[in-house]
Amino acid sequence: RQYWIPFLTSSDVVRDGQPYRVRLLGEDLVAYRDSE
């Protein structure tokens, strides 16, 4: 957690599109790209 962690490609999240389920270091998360 002291390092930057790559976790997806930019194309995996689309502006105002479907959130994407992620798990990193055992933590459950979602990634999304907002309207901006």
Full PDB file with SEQRES, HELIX, SHEET, SSBOND, CRYST1, ORIGX, SCALE, CONECT and MASTER records, all heavy atoms in Angstrom:
SEQRES   1 A   36  ARG GLN TYR TRP ILE PRO PHE LEU THR SER SER ASP VAL          
SEQRES   2 A   36  VAL ARG ASP GLY GLN PRO TYR ARG VAL ARG LEU LEU GLY          
SEQRES   3 A   36  GLU ASP LEU VAL ALA TYR ARG ASP SER GLU                      
HELIX    1 AA1 SER A   10  ASP A   12  5                                   3    
SHEET    1 AA1 2 TYR A  20  LEU A  24  0                                        
SHEET    2 AA1 2 GLU A  27  ALA A  31 -1                                        
CRYST1    1.000    1.000    1.000  90.00  90.00  90.00 P 1           1          
ORIGX1      1.000000  0.000000  0.000000        0.00000                         
ORIGX2      0.000000  1.000000  0.000000        0.00000                         
ORIGX3      0.000000  0.000000  1.000000        0.00000                         
SCALE1      1.000000  0.000000  0.000000        0.00000                         
SCALE2      0.000000  1.000000  0.000000        0.00000                         
SCALE3      0.000000  0.000000  1.000000        0.00000                         
ATOM      1  N   ARG A   1       0.803  -1.216   0.000  1.00  0.00           N  
ATOM      2  CA  ARG A   1       0.000   0.000   0.000  1.00  0.00           C  
ATOM      3  C   ARG A   1       0.837   1.267   0.000  1.00  0.00           C  
ATOM      4  O   ARG A   1       0.284   2.360  -0.089  1.00  0.00           O  
ATOM      5  CB  ARG A   1      -0.978  -0.027   1.181  1.00  0.00           C  
ATOM      6  CG  ARG A   1      -2.158  -0.965   0.952  1.00  0.00           C  
ATOM      7  CD  ARG A   1      -2.942  -1.240   2.248  1.00  0.00           C  
ATOM      8  NE  ARG A   1      -4.174  -1.975   1.987  1.00  0.00           N  
ATOM      9  CZ  ARG A   1      -4.254  -3.275   1.802  1.00  0.00           C  
ATOM     10  NH1 ARG A   1      -3.138  -4.021   1.857  1.00  0.00           N  
ATOM     11  NH2 ARG A   1      -5.412  -3.864   1.564  1.00  0.00           N  
ATOM     12  N   GLN A   2       2.159   1.136   0.047  1.00  0.00           N  
ATOM     13  CA  GLN A   2       3.037   2.296  -0.103  1.00  0.00           C  
ATOM     14  C   GLN A   2       3.391   2.573  -1.567  1.00  0.00           C  
ATOM     15  O   GLN A   2       4.072   3.558  -1.861  1.00  0.00           O  
ATOM     16  CB  GLN A   2       4.325   2.099   0.704  1.00  0.00           C  
ATOM     17  CG  GLN A   2       4.122   2.047   2.210  1.00  0.00           C  
ATOM     18  CD  GLN A   2       5.434   2.118   2.963  1.00  0.00           C  
ATOM     19  OE1 GLN A   2       6.341   2.893   2.629  1.00  0.00           O  
ATOM     20  NE2 GLN A   2       5.562   1.289   3.987  1.00  0.00           N  
ATOM     21  N   TYR A   3       2.936   1.715  -2.481  1.00  0.00           N  
ATOM     22  CA  TYR A   3       3.235   1.871  -3.897  1.00  0.00           C  
ATOM     23  C   TYR A   3       1.960   2.146  -4.697  1.00  0.00           C  
ATOM     24  O   TYR A   3       0.859   1.737  -4.297  1.00  0.00           O  
ATOM     25  CB  TYR A   3       3.878   0.595  -4.451  1.00  0.00           C  
ATOM     26  CG  TYR A   3       5.214   0.247  -3.857  1.00  0.00           C  
ATOM     27  CD1 TYR A   3       5.310  -0.575  -2.737  1.00  0.00           C  
ATOM     28  CD2 TYR A   3       6.388   0.719  -4.430  1.00  0.00           C  
ATOM     29  CE1 TYR A   3       6.543  -0.910  -2.195  1.00  0.00           C  
ATOM     30  CE2 TYR A   3       7.624   0.384  -3.897  1.00  0.00           C  
ATOM     31  CZ  TYR A   3       7.700  -0.423  -2.776  1.00  0.00           C  
ATOM     32  OH  TYR A   3       8.922  -0.753  -2.245  1.00  0.00           O  
ATOM     33  N   TRP A   4       2.126   2.816  -5.829  1.00  0.00           N  
ATOM     34  CA  TRP A   4       1.039   2.916  -6.798  1.00  0.00           C  
ATOM     35  C   TRP A   4       0.815   1.543  -7.429  1.00  0.00           C  
ATOM     36  O   TRP A   4       1.770   0.840  -7.765  1.00  0.00           O  
ATOM     37  CB  TRP A   4       1.369   3.938  -7.878  1.00  0.00           C  
ATOM     38  CG  TRP A   4       1.172   5.354  -7.439  1.00  0.00           C  
ATOM     39  CD1 TRP A   4       2.122   6.189  -6.923  1.00  0.00           C  
ATOM     40  CD2 TRP A   4      -0.045   6.104  -7.476  1.00  0.00           C  
ATOM     41  NE1 TRP A   4       1.568   7.413  -6.640  1.00  0.00           N  
ATOM     42  CE2 TRP A   4       0.231   7.386  -6.969  1.00  0.00           C  
ATOM     43  CE3 TRP A   4      -1.344   5.814  -7.901  1.00  0.00           C  
ATOM     44  CZ2 TRP A   4      -0.736   8.382  -6.866  1.00  0.00           C  
ATOM     45  CZ3 TRP A   4      -2.314   6.798  -7.803  1.00  0.00           C  
ATOM     46  CH2 TRP A   4      -2.010   8.060  -7.297  1.00  0.00           C  
ATOM     47  N   ILE A   5      -0.455   1.187  -7.621  1.00  0.00           N  
ATOM     48  CA  ILE A   5      -0.828  -0.139  -8.095  1.00  0.00           C  
ATOM     49  C   ILE A   5      -1.625  -0.016  -9.395  1.00  0.00           C  
ATOM     50  O   ILE A   5      -2.690   0.606  -9.417  1.00  0.00           O  
ATOM     51  CB  ILE A   5      -1.673  -0.871  -7.040  1.00  0.00           C  
ATOM     52  CG1 ILE A   5      -0.873  -1.023  -5.734  1.00  0.00           C  
ATOM     53  CG2 ILE A   5      -2.119  -2.243  -7.553  1.00  0.00           C  
ATOM     54  CD1 ILE A   5      -1.699  -1.538  -4.570  1.00  0.00           C  
ATOM     55  N   PRO A   6      -1.152  -0.599 -10.512  1.00  0.00           N  
ATOM     56  CA  PRO A   6      -1.968  -0.631 -11.730  1.00  0.00           C  
ATOM     57  C   PRO A   6      -3.101  -1.627 -11.541  1.00  0.00           C  
ATOM     58  O   PRO A   6      -2.901  -2.701 -10.966  1.00  0.00           O  
ATOM     59  CB  PRO A   6      -0.984  -1.082 -12.808  1.00  0.00           C  
ATOM     60  CG  PRO A   6       0.013  -1.920 -12.058  1.00  0.00           C  
ATOM     61  CD  PRO A   6       0.128  -1.325 -10.675  1.00  0.00           C  
ATOM     62  N   PHE A   7      -4.302  -1.297 -12.044  1.00  0.00           N  
ATOM     63  CA  PHE A   7      -5.414  -2.200 -11.759  1.00  0.00           C  
ATOM     64  C   PHE A   7      -6.399  -2.400 -12.912  1.00  0.00           C  
ATOM     65  O   PHE A   7      -7.185  -3.337 -12.879  1.00  0.00           O  
ATOM     66  CB  PHE A   7      -6.175  -1.741 -10.507  1.00  0.00           C  
ATOM     67  CG  PHE A   7      -6.936  -0.447 -10.668  1.00  0.00           C  
ATOM     68  CD1 PHE A   7      -8.295  -0.444 -10.947  1.00  0.00           C  
ATOM     69  CD2 PHE A   7      -6.299   0.774 -10.512  1.00  0.00           C  
ATOM     70  CE1 PHE A   7      -9.003   0.742 -11.093  1.00  0.00           C  
ATOM     71  CE2 PHE A   7      -6.998   1.971 -10.635  1.00  0.00           C  
ATOM     72  CZ  PHE A   7      -8.350   1.950 -10.936  1.00  0.00           C  
ATOM     73  N   LEU A   8      -6.390  -1.557 -13.941  1.00  0.00           N  
ATOM     74  CA  LEU A   8      -7.255  -1.719 -15.103  1.00  0.00           C  
ATOM     75  C   LEU A   8      -6.646  -0.956 -16.274  1.00  0.00           C  
ATOM     76  O   LEU A   8      -5.751  -0.118 -16.091  1.00  0.00           O  
ATOM     77  CB  LEU A   8      -8.665  -1.174 -14.845  1.00  0.00           C  
ATOM     78  CG  LEU A   8      -9.694  -2.044 -14.113  1.00  0.00           C  
ATOM     79  CD1 LEU A   8     -10.988  -1.265 -13.923  1.00  0.00           C  
ATOM     80  CD2 LEU A   8      -9.959  -3.359 -14.835  1.00  0.00           C  
ATOM     81  N   THR A   9      -7.151  -1.220 -17.469  1.00  0.00           N  
ATOM     82  CA  THR A   9      -6.832  -0.350 -18.592  1.00  0.00           C  
ATOM     83  C   THR A   9      -7.864   0.774 -18.647  1.00  0.00           C  
ATOM     84  O   THR A   9      -8.997   0.636 -18.161  1.00  0.00           O  
ATOM     85  CB  THR A   9      -6.823  -1.106 -19.931  1.00  0.00           C  
ATOM     86  OG1 THR A   9      -8.137  -1.548 -20.238  1.00  0.00           O  
ATOM     87  CG2 THR A   9      -5.898  -2.313 -19.860  1.00  0.00           C  
ATOM     88  N   SER A  10      -7.489   1.876 -19.236  1.00  0.00           N  
ATOM     89  CA  SER A  10      -8.396   3.021 -19.338  1.00  0.00           C  
ATOM     90  C   SER A  10      -9.692   2.672 -20.052  1.00  0.00           C  
ATOM     91  O   SER A  10     -10.767   3.178 -19.714  1.00  0.00           O  
ATOM     92  CB  SER A  10      -7.703   4.175 -20.069  1.00  0.00           C  
ATOM     93  OG  SER A  10      -6.572   4.629 -19.344  1.00  0.00           O  
ATOM     94  N   SER A  11      -9.615   1.798 -21.046  1.00  0.00           N  
ATOM     95  CA  SER A  11     -10.796   1.445 -21.836  1.00  0.00           C  
ATOM     96  C   SER A  11     -11.801   0.605 -21.066  1.00  0.00           C  
ATOM     97  O   SER A  11     -12.926   0.417 -21.524  1.00  0.00           O  
ATOM     98  CB  SER A  11     -10.375   0.715 -23.118  1.00  0.00           C  
ATOM     99  OG  SER A  11      -9.659  -0.479 -22.808  1.00  0.00           O  
ATOM    100  N   ASP A  12     -11.429   0.090 -19.883  1.00  0.00           N  
ATOM    101  CA  ASP A  12     -12.358  -0.730 -19.104  1.00  0.00           C  
ATOM    102  C   ASP A  12     -13.471   0.086 -18.456  1.00  0.00           C  
ATOM    103  O   ASP A  12     -14.488  -0.478 -18.050  1.00  0.00           O  
ATOM    104  CB  ASP A  12     -11.604  -1.499 -18.013  1.00  0.00           C  
ATOM    105  CG  ASP A  12     -10.805  -2.667 -18.567  1.00  0.00           C  
ATOM    106  OD1 ASP A  12     -11.363  -3.425 -19.388  1.00  0.00           O  
ATOM    107  OD2 ASP A  12      -9.630  -2.829 -18.182  1.00  0.00           O  
ATOM    108  N   VAL A  13     -13.270   1.398 -18.309  1.00  0.00           N  
ATOM    109  CA  VAL A  13     -14.288   2.240 -17.695  1.00  0.00           C  
ATOM    110  C   VAL A  13     -14.645   3.359 -18.662  1.00  0.00           C  
ATOM    111  O   VAL A  13     -13.800   4.133 -19.098  1.00  0.00           O  
ATOM    112  CB  VAL A  13     -13.833   2.810 -16.338  1.00  0.00           C  
ATOM    113  CG1 VAL A  13     -13.830   1.715 -15.286  1.00  0.00           C  
ATOM    114  CG2 VAL A  13     -12.443   3.427 -16.417  1.00  0.00           C  
ATOM    115  N   VAL A  14     -15.928   3.441 -18.994  1.00  0.00           N  
ATOM    116  CA  VAL A  14     -16.430   4.377 -19.991  1.00  0.00           C  
ATOM    117  C   VAL A  14     -17.159   5.515 -19.286  1.00  0.00           C  
ATOM    118  O   VAL A  14     -17.847   5.311 -18.282  1.00  0.00           O  
ATOM    119  CB  VAL A  14     -17.377   3.656 -20.970  1.00  0.00           C  
ATOM    120  CG1 VAL A  14     -17.928   4.617 -22.008  1.00  0.00           C  
ATOM    121  CG2 VAL A  14     -16.659   2.493 -21.642  1.00  0.00           C  
ATOM    122  N   ARG A  15     -17.016   6.726 -19.803  1.00  0.00           N  
ATOM    123  CA  ARG A  15     -17.685   7.885 -19.239  1.00  0.00           C  
ATOM    124  C   ARG A  15     -19.185   7.622 -19.081  1.00  0.00           C  
ATOM    125  O   ARG A  15     -19.867   7.244 -20.041  1.00  0.00           O  
ATOM    126  CB  ARG A  15     -17.449   9.097 -20.141  1.00  0.00           C  
ATOM    127  CG  ARG A  15     -17.863  10.420 -19.552  1.00  0.00           C  
ATOM    128  CD  ARG A  15     -17.643  11.535 -20.561  1.00  0.00           C  
ATOM    129  NE  ARG A  15     -16.235  11.622 -20.968  1.00  0.00           N  
ATOM    130  CZ  ARG A  15     -15.466  12.682 -20.820  1.00  0.00           C  
ATOM    131  NH1 ARG A  15     -15.959  13.774 -20.279  1.00  0.00           N  
ATOM    132  NH2 ARG A  15     -14.203  12.689 -21.214  1.00  0.00           N  
ATOM    133  N   ASP A  16     -19.682   7.780 -17.843  1.00  0.00           N  
ATOM    134  CA  ASP A  16     -21.088   7.540 -17.499  1.00  0.00           C  
ATOM    135  C   ASP A  16     -21.531   6.110 -17.816  1.00  0.00           C  
ATOM    136  O   ASP A  16     -22.716   5.847 -18.016  1.00  0.00           O  
ATOM    137  CB  ASP A  16     -22.017   8.545 -18.192  1.00  0.00           C  
ATOM    138  CG  ASP A  16     -21.944   9.930 -17.572  1.00  0.00           C  
ATOM    139  OD1 ASP A  16     -21.533  10.052 -16.403  1.00  0.00           O  
ATOM    140  OD2 ASP A  16     -22.294  10.902 -18.265  1.00  0.00           O  
ATOM    141  N   GLY A  17     -20.567   5.188 -17.852  1.00  0.00           N  
ATOM    142  CA  GLY A  17     -20.890   3.808 -18.199  1.00  0.00           C  
ATOM    143  C   GLY A  17     -20.973   2.895 -16.985  1.00  0.00           C  
ATOM    144  O   GLY A  17     -20.913   3.319 -15.831  1.00  0.00           O  
ATOM    145  N   GLN A  18     -21.094   1.622 -17.247  1.00  0.00           N  
ATOM    146  CA  GLN A  18     -21.246   0.596 -16.228  1.00  0.00           C  
ATOM    147  C   GLN A  18     -20.055   0.583 -15.270  1.00  0.00           C  
ATOM    148  O   GLN A  18     -18.904   0.483 -15.706  1.00  0.00           O  
ATOM    149  CB  GLN A  18     -21.368  -0.772 -16.915  1.00  0.00           C  
ATOM    150  CG  GLN A  18     -21.242  -1.986 -16.003  1.00  0.00           C  
ATOM    151  CD  GLN A  18     -22.433  -2.152 -15.118  1.00  0.00           C  
ATOM    152  OE1 GLN A  18     -23.553  -2.192 -15.602  1.00  0.00           O  
ATOM    153  NE2 GLN A  18     -22.230  -2.270 -13.814  1.00  0.00           N  
ATOM    154  N   PRO A  19     -20.276   0.675 -13.942  1.00  0.00           N  
ATOM    155  CA  PRO A  19     -19.175   0.477 -12.999  1.00  0.00           C  
ATOM    156  C   PRO A  19     -18.567  -0.920 -13.152  1.00  0.00           C  
ATOM    157  O   PRO A  19     -19.253  -1.871 -13.531  1.00  0.00           O  
ATOM    158  CB  PRO A  19     -19.842   0.647 -11.631  1.00  0.00           C  
ATOM    159  CG  PRO A  19     -21.054   1.490 -11.896  1.00  0.00           C  
ATOM    160  CD  PRO A  19     -21.533   1.052 -13.258  1.00  0.00           C  
ATOM    161  N   TYR A  20     -17.276  -1.029 -12.844  1.00  0.00           N  
ATOM    162  CA  TYR A  20     -16.527  -2.266 -13.043  1.00  0.00           C  
ATOM    163  C   TYR A  20     -16.066  -2.800 -11.688  1.00  0.00           C  
ATOM    164  O   TYR A  20     -15.423  -2.092 -10.916  1.00  0.00           O  
ATOM    165  CB  TYR A  20     -15.323  -1.991 -13.955  1.00  0.00           C  
ATOM    166  CG  TYR A  20     -14.627  -3.233 -14.466  1.00  0.00           C  
ATOM    167  CD1 TYR A  20     -14.830  -3.669 -15.770  1.00  0.00           C  
ATOM    168  CD2 TYR A  20     -13.772  -3.972 -13.661  1.00  0.00           C  
ATOM    169  CE1 TYR A  20     -14.200  -4.807 -16.255  1.00  0.00           C  
ATOM    170  CE2 TYR A  20     -13.145  -5.112 -14.127  1.00  0.00           C  
ATOM    171  CZ  TYR A  20     -13.359  -5.524 -15.428  1.00  0.00           C  
ATOM    172  OH  TYR A  20     -12.732  -6.657 -15.897  1.00  0.00           O  
ATOM    173  N   ARG A  21     -16.396  -4.083 -11.395  1.00  0.00           N  
ATOM    174  CA  ARG A  21     -16.027  -4.703 -10.124  1.00  0.00           C  
ATOM    175  C   ARG A  21     -14.552  -5.028 -10.078  1.00  0.00           C  
ATOM    176  O   ARG A  21     -14.008  -5.686 -10.972  1.00  0.00           O  
ATOM    177  CB  ARG A  21     -16.841  -5.974  -9.889  1.00  0.00           C  
ATOM    178  CG  ARG A  21     -18.082  -5.729  -9.142  1.00  0.00           C  
ATOM    179  CD  ARG A  21     -17.959  -5.429  -7.681  1.00  0.00           C  
ATOM    180  NE  ARG A  21     -17.856  -6.630  -6.863  1.00  0.00           N  
ATOM    181  CZ  ARG A  21     -16.807  -6.950  -6.115  1.00  0.00           C  
ATOM    182  NH1 ARG A  21     -15.785  -6.148  -6.032  1.00  0.00           N  
ATOM    183  NH2 ARG A  21     -16.811  -8.082  -5.419  1.00  0.00           N  
ATOM    184  N   VAL A  22     -13.929  -4.585  -9.014  1.00  0.00           N  
ATOM    185  CA  VAL A  22     -12.501  -4.747  -8.801  1.00  0.00           C  
ATOM    186  C   VAL A  22     -12.286  -5.333  -7.409  1.00  0.00           C  
ATOM    187  O   VAL A  22     -13.084  -5.103  -6.497  1.00  0.00           O  
ATOM    188  CB  VAL A  22     -11.786  -3.375  -8.929  1.00  0.00           C  
ATOM    189  CG1 VAL A  22     -10.333  -3.452  -8.479  1.00  0.00           C  
ATOM    190  CG2 VAL A  22     -11.860  -2.859 -10.367  1.00  0.00           C  
ATOM    191  N   ARG A  23     -11.231  -6.092  -7.243  1.00  0.00           N  
ATOM    192  CA  ARG A  23     -10.742  -6.471  -5.913  1.00  0.00           C  
ATOM    193  C   ARG A  23      -9.235  -6.294  -5.928  1.00  0.00           C  
ATOM    194  O   ARG A  23      -8.540  -6.786  -6.821  1.00  0.00           O  
ATOM    195  CB  ARG A  23     -11.106  -7.908  -5.561  1.00  0.00           C  
ATOM    196  CG  ARG A  23     -10.632  -8.330  -4.145  1.00  0.00           C  
ATOM    197  CD  ARG A  23     -11.044  -9.763  -3.807  1.00  0.00           C  
ATOM    198  NE  ARG A  23     -12.474  -9.881  -3.660  1.00  0.00           N  
ATOM    199  CZ  ARG A  23     -13.171 -10.969  -3.970  1.00  0.00           C  
ATOM    200  NH1 ARG A  23     -12.565 -12.019  -4.485  1.00  0.00           N  
ATOM    201  NH2 ARG A  23     -14.485 -10.998  -3.820  1.00  0.00           N  
ATOM    202  N   LEU A  24      -8.704  -5.568  -4.956  1.00  0.00           N  
ATOM    203  CA  LEU A  24      -7.273  -5.322  -4.852  1.00  0.00           C  
ATOM    204  C   LEU A  24      -6.827  -5.518  -3.416  1.00  0.00           C  
ATOM    205  O   LEU A  24      -7.439  -4.972  -2.490  1.00  0.00           O  
ATOM    206  CB  LEU A  24      -6.928  -3.894  -5.293  1.00  0.00           C  
ATOM    207  CG  LEU A  24      -7.026  -3.569  -6.785  1.00  0.00           C  
ATOM    208  CD1 LEU A  24      -6.852  -2.075  -7.010  1.00  0.00           C  
ATOM    209  CD2 LEU A  24      -5.994  -4.345  -7.581  1.00  0.00           C  
ATOM    210  N   LEU A  25      -5.772  -6.309  -3.224  1.00  0.00           N  
ATOM    211  CA  LEU A  25      -5.229  -6.548  -1.889  1.00  0.00           C  
ATOM    212  C   LEU A  25      -6.338  -6.969  -0.920  1.00  0.00           C  
ATOM    213  O   LEU A  25      -6.348  -6.588   0.245  1.00  0.00           O  
ATOM    214  CB  LEU A  25      -4.497  -5.320  -1.366  1.00  0.00           C  
ATOM    215  CG  LEU A  25      -3.396  -4.729  -2.266  1.00  0.00           C  
ATOM    216  CD1 LEU A  25      -2.701  -3.567  -1.571  1.00  0.00           C  
ATOM    217  CD2 LEU A  25      -2.376  -5.778  -2.671  1.00  0.00           C  
ATOM    218  N   GLY A  26      -7.277  -7.770  -1.431  1.00  0.00           N  
ATOM    219  CA  GLY A  26      -8.355  -8.288  -0.607  1.00  0.00           C  
ATOM    220  C   GLY A  26      -9.490  -7.321  -0.348  1.00  0.00           C  
ATOM    221  O   GLY A  26     -10.432  -7.660   0.381  1.00  0.00           O  
ATOM    222  N   GLU A  27      -9.467  -6.121  -0.919  1.00  0.00           N  
ATOM    223  CA  GLU A  27     -10.523  -5.132  -0.723  1.00  0.00           C  
ATOM    224  C   GLU A  27     -11.441  -5.093  -1.946  1.00  0.00           C  
ATOM    225  O   GLU A  27     -10.975  -5.001  -3.092  1.00  0.00           O  
ATOM    226  CB  GLU A  27      -9.929  -3.745  -0.474  1.00  0.00           C  
ATOM    227  CG  GLU A  27      -9.131  -3.634   0.819  1.00  0.00           C  
ATOM    228  CD  GLU A  27      -8.734  -2.222   1.147  1.00  0.00           C  
ATOM    229  OE1 GLU A  27      -9.569  -1.308   0.915  1.00  0.00           O  
ATOM    230  OE2 GLU A  27      -7.610  -2.002   1.638  1.00  0.00           O  
ATOM    231  N   ASP A  28     -12.752  -5.132  -1.698  1.00  0.00           N  
ATOM    232  CA  ASP A  28     -13.743  -5.135  -2.764  1.00  0.00           C  
ATOM    233  C   ASP A  28     -14.138  -3.708  -3.127  1.00  0.00           C  
ATOM    234  O   ASP A  28     -14.563  -2.923  -2.263  1.00  0.00           O  
ATOM    235  CB  ASP A  28     -14.970  -5.942  -2.343  1.00  0.00           C  
ATOM    236  CG  ASP A  28     -14.689  -7.438  -2.352  1.00  0.00           C  
ATOM    237  OD1 ASP A  28     -14.293  -7.944  -3.413  1.00  0.00           O  
ATOM    238  OD2 ASP A  28     -14.853  -8.081  -1.300  1.00  0.00           O  
ATOM    239  N   LEU A  29     -14.031  -3.386  -4.424  1.00  0.00           N  
ATOM    240  CA  LEU A  29     -14.186  -2.027  -4.908  1.00  0.00           C  
ATOM    241  C   LEU A  29     -14.928  -2.016  -6.236  1.00  0.00           C  
ATOM    242  O   LEU A  29     -15.124  -3.067  -6.864  1.00  0.00           O  
ATOM    243  CB  LEU A  29     -12.806  -1.377  -5.092  1.00  0.00           C  
ATOM    244  CG  LEU A  29     -11.862  -1.416  -3.876  1.00  0.00           C  
ATOM    245  CD1 LEU A  29     -10.415  -1.221  -4.305  1.00  0.00           C  
ATOM    246  CD2 LEU A  29     -12.265  -0.352  -2.870  1.00  0.00           C  
ATOM    247  N   VAL A  30     -15.355  -0.828  -6.681  1.00  0.00           N  
ATOM    248  CA  VAL A  30     -15.835  -0.638  -8.047  1.00  0.00           C  
ATOM    249  C   VAL A  30     -15.119   0.575  -8.638  1.00  0.00           C  
ATOM    250  O   VAL A  30     -14.834   1.553  -7.942  1.00  0.00           O  
ATOM    251  CB  VAL A  30     -17.371  -0.442  -8.141  1.00  0.00           C  
ATOM    252  CG1 VAL A  30     -18.103  -1.689  -7.691  1.00  0.00           C  
ATOM    253  CG2 VAL A  30     -17.834   0.778  -7.366  1.00  0.00           C  
ATOM    254  N   ALA A  31     -14.832   0.473  -9.935  1.00  0.00           N  
ATOM    255  CA  ALA A  31     -14.218   1.574 -10.672  1.00  0.00           C  
ATOM    256  C   ALA A  31     -15.230   2.128 -11.657  1.00  0.00           C  
ATOM    257  O   ALA A  31     -16.032   1.384 -12.230  1.00  0.00           O  
ATOM    258  CB  ALA A  31     -12.967   1.099 -11.412  1.00  0.00           C  
ATOM    259  N   TYR A  32     -15.204   3.448 -11.855  1.00  0.00           N  
ATOM    260  CA  TYR A  32     -16.101   4.069 -12.829  1.00  0.00           C  
ATOM    261  C   TYR A  32     -15.482   5.367 -13.327  1.00  0.00           C  
ATOM    262  O   TYR A  32     -14.594   5.935 -12.699  1.00  0.00           O  
ATOM    263  CB  TYR A  32     -17.477   4.343 -12.209  1.00  0.00           C  
ATOM    264  CG  TYR A  32     -17.499   5.461 -11.184  1.00  0.00           C  
ATOM    265  CD1 TYR A  32     -17.900   6.739 -11.519  1.00  0.00           C  
ATOM    266  CD2 TYR A  32     -17.115   5.218  -9.869  1.00  0.00           C  
ATOM    267  CE1 TYR A  32     -17.908   7.767 -10.583  1.00  0.00           C  
ATOM    268  CE2 TYR A  32     -17.130   6.235  -8.920  1.00  0.00           C  
ATOM    269  CZ  TYR A  32     -17.527   7.515  -9.292  1.00  0.00           C  
ATOM    270  OH  TYR A  32     -17.531   8.533  -8.358  1.00  0.00           O  
ATOM    271  N   ARG A  33     -15.950   5.827 -14.471  1.00  0.00           N  
ATOM    272  CA  ARG A  33     -15.516   7.100 -15.042  1.00  0.00           C  
ATOM    273  C   ARG A  33     -16.720   8.041 -15.065  1.00  0.00           C  
ATOM    274  O   ARG A  33     -17.751   7.723 -15.661  1.00  0.00           O  
ATOM    275  CB  ARG A  33     -14.951   6.907 -16.453  1.00  0.00           C  
ATOM    276  CG  ARG A  33     -14.270   8.165 -17.014  1.00  0.00           C  
ATOM    277  CD  ARG A  33     -13.767   7.920 -18.449  1.00  0.00           C  
ATOM    278  NE  ARG A  33     -12.770   6.866 -18.539  1.00  0.00           N  
ATOM    279  CZ  ARG A  33     -11.467   7.063 -18.345  1.00  0.00           C  
ATOM    280  NH1 ARG A  33     -11.014   8.264 -18.030  1.00  0.00           N  
ATOM    281  NH2 ARG A  33     -10.620   6.041 -18.465  1.00  0.00           N  
ATOM    282  N   ASP A  34     -16.598   9.193 -14.421  1.00  0.00           N  
ATOM    283  CA  ASP A  34     -17.740  10.097 -14.297  1.00  0.00           C  
ATOM    284  C   ASP A  34     -17.952  10.952 -15.545  1.00  0.00           C  
ATOM    285  O   ASP A  34     -17.237  10.808 -16.554  1.00  0.00           O  
ATOM    286  CB  ASP A  34     -17.630  10.946 -13.024  1.00  0.00           C  
ATOM    287  CG  ASP A  34     -16.559  12.040 -13.108  1.00  0.00           C  
ATOM    288  OD1 ASP A  34     -15.964  12.268 -14.190  1.00  0.00           O  
ATOM    289  OD2 ASP A  34     -16.323  12.707 -12.065  1.00  0.00           O  
ATOM    290  N   SER A  35     -18.916  11.832 -15.485  1.00  0.00           N  
ATOM    291  CA  SER A  35     -19.312  12.633 -16.647  1.00  0.00           C  
ATOM    292  C   SER A  35     -18.189  13.527 -17.141  1.00  0.00           C  
ATOM    293  O   SER A  35     -18.157  13.911 -18.314  1.00  0.00           O  
ATOM    294  CB  SER A  35     -20.537  13.496 -16.308  1.00  0.00           C  
ATOM    295  OG  SER A  35     -21.573  12.723 -15.766  1.00  0.00           O  
ATOM    296  N   GLU A  36     -17.259  13.897 -16.271  1.00  0.00           N  
ATOM    297  CA  GLU A  36     -16.143  14.753 -16.654  1.00  0.00           C  
ATOM    298  C   GLU A  36     -14.890  13.960 -17.037  1.00  0.00           C  
ATOM    299  O   GLU A  36     -13.839  14.537 -17.289  1.00  0.00           O  
ATOM    300  CB  GLU A  36     -15.822  15.719 -15.512  1.00  0.00           C  
ATOM    301  CG  GLU A  36     -16.842  16.852 -15.427  1.00  0.00           C  
ATOM    302  CD  GLU A  36     -17.309  17.086 -14.008  1.00  0.00           C  
ATOM    303  OE1 GLU A  36     -16.470  17.073 -13.132  1.00  0.00           O  
ATOM    304  OE2 GLU A  36     -18.515  17.267 -13.845  1.00  0.00           O  
TER     305      GLU A  36                                                      
MASTER        0    0    0    1    2    0    0    6  304    1    0    3          
END                                                                             
